[in-house]
């Protein structure tokens, strides 16, 4: 499995993964999505919506994002093919 490093931004003493370094728009999926706060105050006093995603949560990796594959195993060598 490849990896993406996400910078962590501290806002009011809480760490938040900053996905905005990849692009401005994100697609996120989860089995359950709940709106926690319609007017959540974030960094710089910006008002944002705060959601809670539960179970099977993923986000779509933006096209062109560099992936770290340095720890991915090469897998088995291909088998020799017989001549026909």
N, C-alpha and C. Protein backbone atom coordinates (compact mmCIF):
# COMPACT_ATOMS: atom_id res chain seq x y z
N UNK A 1 0.85 -1.17 0.00
CA UNK A 1 0.00 0.00 0.00
C UNK A 1 0.89 1.24 0.00
N UNK A 2 0.64 2.18 -0.86
CA UNK A 2 1.42 3.42 -0.91
C UNK A 2 0.93 4.39 0.15
N UNK A 3 1.72 5.44 0.41
CA UNK A 3 1.40 6.38 1.48
C UNK A 3 1.40 7.81 0.98
N UNK A 4 0.63 8.64 1.64
CA UNK A 4 0.63 10.08 1.43
C UNK A 4 0.92 10.72 2.78
N UNK A 5 1.87 11.63 2.82
CA UNK A 5 2.17 12.37 4.05
C UNK A 5 1.30 13.61 4.08
N UNK A 6 0.59 13.81 5.18
CA UNK A 6 -0.30 14.95 5.33
C UNK A 6 0.24 15.83 6.46
N UNK A 7 0.48 17.12 6.17
CA UNK A 7 0.93 18.00 7.24
C UNK A 7 -0.18 18.22 8.27
N UNK A 8 0.22 18.40 9.52
CA UNK A 8 -0.75 18.61 10.60
C UNK A 8 -0.67 20.07 11.04
N UNK A 9 -1.82 20.71 11.06
CA UNK A 9 -1.95 22.11 11.46
C UNK A 9 -2.62 22.14 12.83
N UNK A 10 -2.04 22.86 13.78
CA UNK A 10 -2.64 22.96 15.11
C UNK A 10 -3.53 24.20 15.17
N UNK A 11 -4.80 23.99 15.49
CA UNK A 11 -5.77 25.08 15.61
C UNK A 11 -6.42 24.96 16.99
N UNK A 12 -6.25 25.99 17.81
CA UNK A 12 -6.79 25.99 19.17
C UNK A 12 -6.36 24.75 19.96
N UNK A 13 -5.09 24.34 19.77
CA UNK A 13 -4.54 23.22 20.52
C UNK A 13 -4.92 21.85 19.99
N UNK A 14 -5.61 21.79 18.85
CA UNK A 14 -6.04 20.51 18.28
C UNK A 14 -5.35 20.32 16.94
N UNK A 15 -4.82 19.11 16.68
CA UNK A 15 -4.18 18.81 15.41
C UNK A 15 -5.20 18.44 14.34
N UNK A 16 -5.06 19.06 13.16
CA UNK A 16 -5.94 18.79 12.02
C UNK A 16 -5.07 18.46 10.80
N UNK A 17 -5.35 17.36 10.11
CA UNK A 17 -4.64 17.04 8.87
C UNK A 17 -5.04 18.03 7.79
N UNK A 18 -4.06 18.65 7.13
CA UNK A 18 -4.32 19.71 6.16
C UNK A 18 -4.33 19.15 4.74
N UNK A 19 -5.49 18.70 4.26
CA UNK A 19 -5.62 18.15 2.92
C UNK A 19 -5.56 19.23 1.85
N UNK A 20 -5.70 20.49 2.23
CA UNK A 20 -5.71 21.58 1.23
C UNK A 20 -4.36 21.75 0.55
N UNK A 21 -3.30 21.10 1.05
CA UNK A 21 -2.01 21.19 0.37
C UNK A 21 -2.01 20.42 -0.95
N UNK A 22 -2.98 19.52 -1.15
CA UNK A 22 -3.06 18.73 -2.37
C UNK A 22 -3.92 19.40 -3.44
N UNK A 23 -5.06 19.92 -3.05
CA UNK A 23 -5.96 20.60 -3.98
C UNK A 23 -7.06 21.29 -3.16
N UNK A 24 -7.93 22.03 -3.84
CA UNK A 24 -8.98 22.77 -3.14
C UNK A 24 -10.27 21.97 -2.94
N UNK A 25 -10.49 20.94 -3.75
CA UNK A 25 -11.72 20.16 -3.69
C UNK A 25 -11.40 18.71 -3.36
N UNK A 26 -12.17 18.12 -2.44
CA UNK A 26 -11.94 16.74 -2.03
C UNK A 26 -13.23 15.95 -2.04
N UNK A 27 -13.12 14.68 -2.41
CA UNK A 27 -14.23 13.74 -2.33
C UNK A 27 -13.94 12.79 -1.17
N UNK A 28 -14.87 12.72 -0.20
CA UNK A 28 -14.70 11.89 0.99
C UNK A 28 -15.91 10.97 1.08
N UNK A 29 -15.66 9.71 1.41
CA UNK A 29 -16.76 8.75 1.58
C UNK A 29 -16.72 8.15 2.97
N UNK A 30 -17.85 7.72 3.45
CA UNK A 30 -17.96 7.04 4.74
C UNK A 30 -19.35 6.43 4.84
N UNK A 31 -19.48 5.40 5.66
CA UNK A 31 -20.78 4.75 5.80
C UNK A 31 -21.78 5.64 6.53
N UNK A 32 -21.29 6.42 7.49
CA UNK A 32 -22.16 7.33 8.24
C UNK A 32 -21.52 8.71 8.25
N UNK A 33 -22.28 9.73 7.88
CA UNK A 33 -21.80 11.11 7.90
C UNK A 33 -22.79 11.93 8.74
N UNK A 34 -22.26 12.65 9.74
CA UNK A 34 -23.09 13.44 10.64
C UNK A 34 -22.58 14.87 10.70
N UNK A 35 -23.46 15.84 10.54
CA UNK A 35 -23.08 17.25 10.71
C UNK A 35 -23.01 17.53 12.20
N UNK A 36 -21.82 17.91 12.69
CA UNK A 36 -21.64 18.19 14.11
C UNK A 36 -21.85 19.67 14.45
N UNK A 37 -21.42 20.55 13.54
CA UNK A 37 -21.51 21.99 13.82
C UNK A 37 -21.64 22.74 12.50
N UNK A 38 -22.74 23.43 12.32
CA UNK A 38 -23.02 24.19 11.10
C UNK A 38 -22.10 25.41 10.97
N UNK A 39 -21.67 26.00 12.09
CA UNK A 39 -20.85 27.20 12.08
C UNK A 39 -19.62 27.03 12.98
N UNK A 40 -18.78 26.07 12.66
CA UNK A 40 -17.58 25.79 13.44
C UNK A 40 -16.53 26.85 13.13
N UNK A 41 -15.95 27.46 14.16
CA UNK A 41 -14.91 28.46 13.97
C UNK A 41 -13.56 27.76 13.86
N UNK A 42 -12.89 28.00 12.72
CA UNK A 42 -11.61 27.34 12.45
C UNK A 42 -10.51 28.39 12.39
N UNK A 43 -9.36 28.03 11.87
CA UNK A 43 -8.18 28.89 11.82
C UNK A 43 -8.51 30.25 11.23
N UNK A 44 -8.04 31.30 11.87
CA UNK A 44 -8.24 32.65 11.37
C UNK A 44 -9.67 33.12 11.48
N UNK A 45 -10.49 32.45 12.29
CA UNK A 45 -11.88 32.84 12.46
C UNK A 45 -12.80 32.42 11.31
N UNK A 46 -12.29 31.58 10.41
CA UNK A 46 -13.12 31.12 9.29
C UNK A 46 -14.23 30.21 9.79
N UNK A 47 -15.43 30.42 9.28
CA UNK A 47 -16.57 29.56 9.61
C UNK A 47 -16.62 28.42 8.62
N UNK A 48 -16.61 27.20 9.13
CA UNK A 48 -16.68 26.01 8.29
C UNK A 48 -17.73 25.06 8.87
N UNK A 49 -18.10 24.04 8.13
CA UNK A 49 -18.99 23.00 8.63
C UNK A 49 -18.11 21.89 9.19
N UNK A 50 -18.48 21.34 10.32
CA UNK A 50 -17.73 20.24 10.94
C UNK A 50 -18.57 18.98 10.84
N UNK A 51 -17.99 17.96 10.19
CA UNK A 51 -18.68 16.69 10.00
C UNK A 51 -17.94 15.57 10.71
N UNK A 52 -18.65 14.51 11.01
CA UNK A 52 -18.05 13.30 11.57
C UNK A 52 -18.32 12.17 10.57
N UNK A 53 -17.24 11.54 10.10
CA UNK A 53 -17.36 10.40 9.20
C UNK A 53 -17.04 9.15 10.00
N UNK A 54 -17.85 8.11 9.82
CA UNK A 54 -17.67 6.89 10.60
C UNK A 54 -17.69 5.68 9.68
N UNK A 55 -16.82 4.72 9.94
CA UNK A 55 -16.72 3.44 9.25
C UNK A 55 -16.35 3.60 7.78
N UNK A 56 -15.29 2.94 7.39
CA UNK A 56 -14.89 2.85 5.99
C UNK A 56 -14.68 4.24 5.38
N UNK A 57 -13.95 5.11 6.08
CA UNK A 57 -13.74 6.49 5.64
C UNK A 57 -12.51 6.58 4.75
N UNK A 58 -12.68 7.16 3.57
CA UNK A 58 -11.60 7.34 2.61
C UNK A 58 -11.77 8.67 1.90
N UNK A 59 -10.66 9.19 1.36
CA UNK A 59 -10.77 10.35 0.49
C UNK A 59 -10.09 10.05 -0.83
N UNK A 60 -10.63 10.62 -1.90
CA UNK A 60 -10.10 10.39 -3.23
C UNK A 60 -8.77 11.12 -3.36
N UNK A 61 -7.72 10.40 -3.78
CA UNK A 61 -6.40 10.99 -3.94
C UNK A 61 -6.42 11.84 -5.21
N UNK A 62 -6.11 13.13 -5.06
CA UNK A 62 -6.12 14.01 -6.24
C UNK A 62 -5.11 13.55 -7.29
N UNK A 63 -5.49 13.66 -8.55
CA UNK A 63 -4.62 13.28 -9.65
C UNK A 63 -3.33 14.09 -9.59
N UNK A 64 -2.20 13.43 -9.78
CA UNK A 64 -0.91 14.11 -9.77
C UNK A 64 -0.24 14.15 -8.40
N UNK A 65 -0.90 13.60 -7.36
CA UNK A 65 -0.32 13.58 -6.03
C UNK A 65 0.83 12.57 -5.98
N UNK A 66 1.97 13.01 -5.45
CA UNK A 66 3.14 12.13 -5.33
C UNK A 66 2.89 11.11 -4.22
N UNK A 67 3.07 9.84 -4.52
CA UNK A 67 2.87 8.77 -3.54
C UNK A 67 4.22 8.20 -3.14
N UNK A 68 4.35 7.85 -1.87
CA UNK A 68 5.58 7.24 -1.35
C UNK A 68 5.43 5.73 -1.45
N UNK A 69 6.17 5.12 -2.37
CA UNK A 69 6.10 3.67 -2.54
C UNK A 69 7.39 2.99 -2.07
N UNK A 70 8.21 3.72 -1.30
CA UNK A 70 9.50 3.19 -0.88
C UNK A 70 9.39 1.96 0.01
N UNK A 71 8.33 1.77 0.74
CA UNK A 71 8.19 0.64 1.64
C UNK A 71 7.28 -0.46 1.07
N UNK A 72 6.89 -0.33 -0.20
CA UNK A 72 6.04 -1.33 -0.83
C UNK A 72 6.92 -2.47 -1.33
N UNK A 73 6.57 -3.70 -0.95
CA UNK A 73 7.39 -4.84 -1.37
C UNK A 73 7.23 -5.06 -2.87
N UNK A 74 8.28 -5.58 -3.50
CA UNK A 74 8.29 -5.78 -4.95
C UNK A 74 7.39 -6.93 -5.37
N UNK A 75 7.12 -7.85 -4.49
CA UNK A 75 6.29 -9.00 -4.84
C UNK A 75 7.14 -10.11 -5.45
N UNK A 76 6.54 -11.25 -5.71
CA UNK A 76 7.31 -12.38 -6.24
C UNK A 76 7.77 -12.11 -7.68
N UNK A 77 8.89 -12.72 -8.05
CA UNK A 77 9.39 -12.60 -9.43
C UNK A 77 8.44 -13.32 -10.37
N UNK A 78 8.29 -12.84 -11.59
CA UNK A 78 7.38 -13.52 -12.52
C UNK A 78 7.89 -14.91 -12.87
N UNK A 79 6.97 -15.82 -13.09
CA UNK A 79 7.34 -17.19 -13.44
C UNK A 79 7.82 -17.22 -14.89
N UNK A 80 8.74 -18.13 -15.16
CA UNK A 80 9.21 -18.27 -16.53
C UNK A 80 8.09 -18.83 -17.39
N UNK A 81 7.99 -18.28 -18.57
CA UNK A 81 6.97 -18.77 -19.51
C UNK A 81 7.60 -19.84 -20.41
N UNK A 82 6.91 -20.92 -20.62
CA UNK A 82 7.40 -21.97 -21.53
C UNK A 82 7.27 -21.50 -22.98
N UNK A 83 8.15 -21.96 -23.82
CA UNK A 83 8.08 -21.58 -25.24
C UNK A 83 7.05 -22.45 -25.92
N UNK A 84 6.33 -21.83 -26.85
CA UNK A 84 5.32 -22.60 -27.59
C UNK A 84 5.66 -22.68 -29.03
